[in-house]
Amino acid sequence: MSGSSVFHIILNVTFMVFLFGGLCEALPVLKADIINDIGPNVQLGLHCKSKHEDLGAQSLAPHQHWGFGKSLEFWGTTLFFCHFQWGNQSKWFNILDGNRDKKECDVHPCVWSIRPSGPCKLTGHTQCFPWNDQY
């Protein structure tokens, strides 16, 4: 291999590292803020995770909130789901979905009001969703 070919390979690899490294840093951070609106005197347990990351269990008093932010994956497939428990109820929902939330949840957090009937996104115009089917 000539010195010129090795130089071009190194130059191309360096360019790719800077290009893709810059793209990864430029990806937006999606944010979610979860509020316990189940009812008065009802503690809400929640546990959020993705395929690769577990955010741990949380417990929210009425009207208390908890939030997190995660970088949007390159392909926009970021997905975090949460399992919610209160009383004898056990529900789950995709709380941060890159395909659904990438335009609304990067500048300001998507604020989610967790209600017995399902989660409602308060960011933008209020939109309520049904719970996901059980596991």
C-alpha atoms as a PDB file:
ATOM      1  CA  MET A   1       0.000   0.000   0.000  1.00  0.00           C
ATOM      2  CA  SER A   2       1.500   3.341  -0.979  1.00  0.00           C
ATOM      3  CA  GLY A   3       1.942   6.217   1.443  1.00  0.00           C
ATOM      4  CA  SER A   4      -0.700   8.201  -0.463  1.00  0.00           C
ATOM      5  CA  SER A   5      -3.337   5.445  -0.017  1.00  0.00           C
ATOM      6  CA  VAL A   6      -2.660   5.199   3.720  1.00  0.00           C
ATOM      7  CA  PHE A   7      -2.955   8.979   4.012  1.00  0.00           C
ATOM      8  CA  HIS A   8      -6.343   8.953   2.220  1.00  0.00           C
ATOM      9  CA  ILE A   9      -7.652   6.147   4.432  1.00  0.00           C
ATOM     10  CA  ILE A  10      -6.609   8.013   7.593  1.00  0.00           C
ATOM     11  CA  LEU A  11      -8.110  11.223   6.241  1.00  0.00           C
ATOM     12  CA  ASN A  12     -11.421   9.475   5.402  1.00  0.00           C
ATOM     13  CA  VAL A  13     -11.629   7.762   8.803  1.00  0.00           C
ATOM     14  CA  THR A  14     -10.896  11.052  10.592  1.00  0.00           C
ATOM     15  CA  PHE A  15     -13.572  12.824   8.534  1.00  0.00           C
ATOM     16  CA  MET A  16     -16.142  10.111   9.365  1.00  0.00           C
ATOM     17  CA  VAL A  17     -15.351  10.317  13.086  1.00  0.00           C
ATOM     18  CA  PHE A  18     -15.823  14.093  13.111  1.00  0.00           C
ATOM     19  CA  LEU A  19     -18.951  13.901  10.949  1.00  0.00           C
ATOM     20  CA  PHE A  20     -20.744  11.234  12.968  1.00  0.00           C
ATOM     21  CA  GLY A  21     -19.420  12.496  16.308  1.00  0.00           C
ATOM     22  CA  GLY A  22     -20.859  15.919  15.496  1.00  0.00           C
ATOM     23  CA  LEU A  23     -24.189  14.422  14.448  1.00  0.00           C
ATOM     24  CA  CYS A  24     -24.495  12.519  17.705  1.00  0.00           C
ATOM     25  CA  GLU A  25     -23.814  15.643  19.738  1.00  0.00           C
ATOM     26  CA  ALA A  26     -26.364  17.613  17.688  1.00  0.00           C
ATOM     27  CA  LEU A  27     -29.218  15.201  18.407  1.00  0.00           C
ATOM     28  CA  PRO A  28     -31.894  16.763  20.614  1.00  0.00           C
ATOM     29  CA  VAL A  29     -32.569  15.681  24.168  1.00  0.00           C
ATOM     30  CA  LEU A  30     -36.188  14.636  24.667  1.00  0.00           C
ATOM     31  CA  LYS A  31     -37.597  15.398  28.098  1.00  0.00           C
ATOM     32  CA  ALA A  32     -40.590  14.025  29.995  1.00  0.00           C
ATOM     33  CA  ASP A  33     -42.157  15.359  33.189  1.00  0.00           C
ATOM     34  CA  ILE A  34     -44.662  13.034  34.888  1.00  0.00           C
ATOM     35  CA  ILE A  35     -47.307  14.326  37.331  1.00  0.00           C
ATOM     36  CA  ASN A  36     -49.377  12.173  39.691  1.00  0.00           C
ATOM     37  CA  ASP A  37     -52.982  13.177  38.952  1.00  0.00           C
ATOM     38  CA  ILE A  38     -54.499   9.806  39.951  1.00  0.00           C
ATOM     39  CA  GLY A  39     -56.508  11.318  42.791  1.00  0.00           C
ATOM     40  CA  PRO A  40     -56.318  12.820  46.270  1.00  0.00           C
ATOM     41  CA  ASN A  41     -54.347  10.805  48.817  1.00  0.00           C
ATOM     42  CA  VAL A  42     -53.262   8.242  46.175  1.00  0.00           C
ATOM     43  CA  GLN A  43     -49.568   7.425  45.935  1.00  0.00           C
ATOM     44  CA  LEU A  44     -48.368   6.593  42.399  1.00  0.00           C
ATOM     45  CA  GLY A  45     -45.562   4.098  41.878  1.00  0.00           C
ATOM     46  CA  LEU A  46     -43.749   4.218  38.560  1.00  0.00           C
ATOM     47  CA  HIS A  47     -40.812   2.501  36.951  1.00  0.00           C
ATOM     48  CA  CYS A  48     -39.479   3.794  33.623  1.00  0.00           C
ATOM     49  CA  LYS A  49     -36.994   2.095  31.321  1.00  0.00           C
ATOM     50  CA  SER A  50     -35.937   1.518  27.747  1.00  0.00           C
ATOM     51  CA  LYS A  51     -34.625  -1.606  26.078  1.00  0.00           C
ATOM     52  CA  HIS A  52     -31.133  -0.725  27.338  1.00  0.00           C
ATOM     53  CA  GLU A  53     -31.560   1.546  30.367  1.00  0.00           C
ATOM     54  CA  ASP A  54     -33.488   1.273  33.634  1.00  0.00           C
ATOM     55  CA  LEU A  55     -34.287   4.607  35.343  1.00  0.00           C
ATOM     56  CA  GLY A  56     -35.353   2.915  38.586  1.00  0.00           C
ATOM     57  CA  ALA A  57     -38.529   2.932  40.635  1.00  0.00           C
ATOM     58  CA  GLN A  58     -40.111   6.195  41.785  1.00  0.00           C
ATOM     59  CA  SER A  59     -42.970   7.026  44.100  1.00  0.00           C
ATOM     60  CA  LEU A  60     -45.009  10.199  43.677  1.00  0.00           C
ATOM     61  CA  ALA A  61     -47.396  11.808  46.155  1.00  0.00           C
ATOM     62  CA  PRO A  62     -50.522  13.482  44.685  1.00  0.00           C
ATOM     63  CA  HIS A  63     -49.539  16.306  42.296  1.00  0.00           C
ATOM     64  CA  GLN A  64     -45.843  15.587  42.776  1.00  0.00           C
ATOM     65  CA  HIS A  65     -43.801  15.282  39.592  1.00  0.00           C
ATOM     66  CA  TRP A  66     -40.647  13.569  38.385  1.00  0.00           C
ATOM     67  CA  GLY A  67     -38.872  13.892  35.068  1.00  0.00           C
ATOM     68  CA  PHE A  68     -35.970  12.777  32.912  1.00  0.00           C
ATOM     69  CA  GLY A  69     -34.339  13.582  29.596  1.00  0.00           C
ATOM     70  CA  LYS A  70     -32.697  11.333  27.016  1.00  0.00           C
ATOM     71  CA  SER A  71     -30.938  12.006  23.719  1.00  0.00           C
ATOM     72  CA  LEU A  72     -32.875  11.141  20.606  1.00  0.00           C
ATOM     73  CA  GLU A  73     -31.195   8.189  18.925  1.00  0.00           C
ATOM     74  CA  PHE A  74     -29.829   8.776  15.422  1.00  0.00           C
ATOM     75  CA  TRP A  75     -32.742   6.931  13.763  1.00  0.00           C
ATOM     76  CA  GLY A  76     -35.364   8.603  16.001  1.00  0.00           C
ATOM     77  CA  THR A  77     -36.246   5.326  17.703  1.00  0.00           C
ATOM     78  CA  THR A  78     -35.775   6.468  21.311  1.00  0.00           C
ATOM     79  CA  LEU A  79     -38.435   4.726  23.401  1.00  0.00           C
ATOM     80  CA  PHE A  80     -38.973   4.787  27.176  1.00  0.00           C
ATOM     81  CA  PHE A  81     -41.974   3.102  28.731  1.00  0.00           C
ATOM     82  CA  CYS A  82     -43.219   3.367  32.291  1.00  0.00           C
ATOM     83  CA  HIS A  83     -45.116   0.931  34.477  1.00  0.00           C
ATOM     84  CA  PHE A  84     -47.570   2.691  36.814  1.00  0.00           C
ATOM     85  CA  GLN A  85     -49.136   1.231  39.955  1.00  0.00           C
ATOM     86  CA  TRP A  86     -51.693   2.601  42.399  1.00  0.00           C
ATOM     87  CA  GLY A  87     -54.183   0.792  44.614  1.00  0.00           C
ATOM     88  CA  ASN A  88     -54.871  -2.496  42.813  1.00  0.00           C
ATOM     89  CA  GLN A  89     -54.182  -0.981  39.355  1.00  0.00           C
ATOM     90  CA  SER A  90     -51.179  -1.822  37.179  1.00  0.00           C
ATOM     91  CA  LYS A  91     -50.794   0.008  33.832  1.00  0.00           C
ATOM     92  CA  TRP A  92     -48.039   0.908  31.394  1.00  0.00           C
ATOM     93  CA  PHE A  93     -47.439   3.477  28.670  1.00  0.00           C
ATOM     94  CA  ASN A  94     -44.729   4.596  26.218  1.00  0.00           C
ATOM     95  CA  ILE A  95     -43.962   7.884  27.955  1.00  0.00           C
ATOM     96  CA  LEU A  96     -41.164   9.018  25.622  1.00  0.00           C
ATOM     97  CA  ASP A  97     -41.420   7.928  21.986  1.00  0.00           C
ATOM     98  CA  GLY A  98     -38.971   9.528  19.562  1.00  0.00           C
ATOM     99  CA  ASN A  99     -41.295   9.133  16.587  1.00  0.00           C
ATOM    100  CA  ARG A 100     -44.234  10.739  18.415  1.00  0.00           C
ATOM    101  CA  ASP A 101     -42.436  13.288  20.607  1.00  0.00           C
ATOM    102  CA  LYS A 102     -39.372  14.558  18.715  1.00  0.00           C
ATOM    103  CA  LYS A 103     -41.031  17.823  17.653  1.00  0.00           C
ATOM    104  CA  GLU A 104     -42.595  18.714  21.024  1.00  0.00           C
ATOM    105  CA  CYS A 105     -40.364  17.361  23.770  1.00  0.00           C
ATOM    106  CA  ASP A 106     -36.922  18.778  22.984  1.00  0.00           C
ATOM    107  CA  VAL A 107     -37.282  22.504  23.707  1.00  0.00           C
ATOM    108  CA  HIS A 108     -39.671  22.052  26.650  1.00  0.00           C
ATOM    109  CA  PRO A 109     -40.450  18.818  28.493  1.00  0.00           C
ATOM    110  CA  CYS A 110     -43.543  16.900  27.499  1.00  0.00           C
ATOM    111  CA  VAL A 111     -45.641  17.193  30.631  1.00  0.00           C
ATOM    112  CA  TRP A 112     -47.694  14.056  31.333  1.00  0.00           C
ATOM    113  CA  SER A 113     -50.658  14.074  33.699  1.00  0.00           C
ATOM    114  CA  ILE A 114     -51.149  10.483  34.869  1.00  0.00           C
ATOM    115  CA  ARG A 115     -54.864   9.843  35.391  1.00  0.00           C
ATOM    116  CA  PRO A 116     -56.857   6.651  36.047  1.00  0.00           C
ATOM    117  CA  SER A 117     -58.295   6.786  32.497  1.00  0.00           C
ATOM    118  CA  GLY A 118     -54.840   7.132  30.923  1.00  0.00           C
ATOM    119  CA  PRO A 119     -51.940   9.549  30.519  1.00  0.00           C
ATOM    120  CA  CYS A 120     -52.613  13.022  29.088  1.00  0.00           C
ATOM    121  CA  LYS A 121     -49.882  15.053  27.384  1.00  0.00           C
ATOM    122  CA  LEU A 122     -50.333  18.673  28.474  1.00  0.00           C
ATOM    123  CA  THR A 123     -47.613  20.079  26.200  1.00  0.00           C
ATOM    124  CA  GLY A 124     -49.105  21.903  23.213  1.00  0.00           C
ATOM    125  CA  HIS A 125     -52.793  21.074  23.111  1.00  0.00           C
ATOM    126  CA  THR A 126     -53.912  18.548  25.723  1.00  0.00           C
ATOM    127  CA  GLN A 127     -54.093  15.059  24.249  1.00  0.00           C
ATOM    128  CA  CYS A 128     -55.099  12.003  26.274  1.00  0.00           C
ATOM    129  CA  PHE A 129     -54.052   8.471  25.375  1.00  0.00           C
ATOM    130  CA  PRO A 130     -55.322   5.041  26.378  1.00  0.00           C
ATOM    131  CA  TRP A 131     -53.122   2.789  28.450  1.00  0.00           C
ATOM    132  CA  ASN A 132     -51.015   0.279  26.482  1.00  0.00           C
ATOM    133  CA  ASP A 133     -52.281  -3.286  26.410  1.00  0.00           C
ATOM    134  CA  GLN A 134     -51.064  -5.289  29.370  1.00  0.00           C
ATOM    135  CA  TYR A 135     -47.772  -7.210  29.080  1.00  0.00           C
END
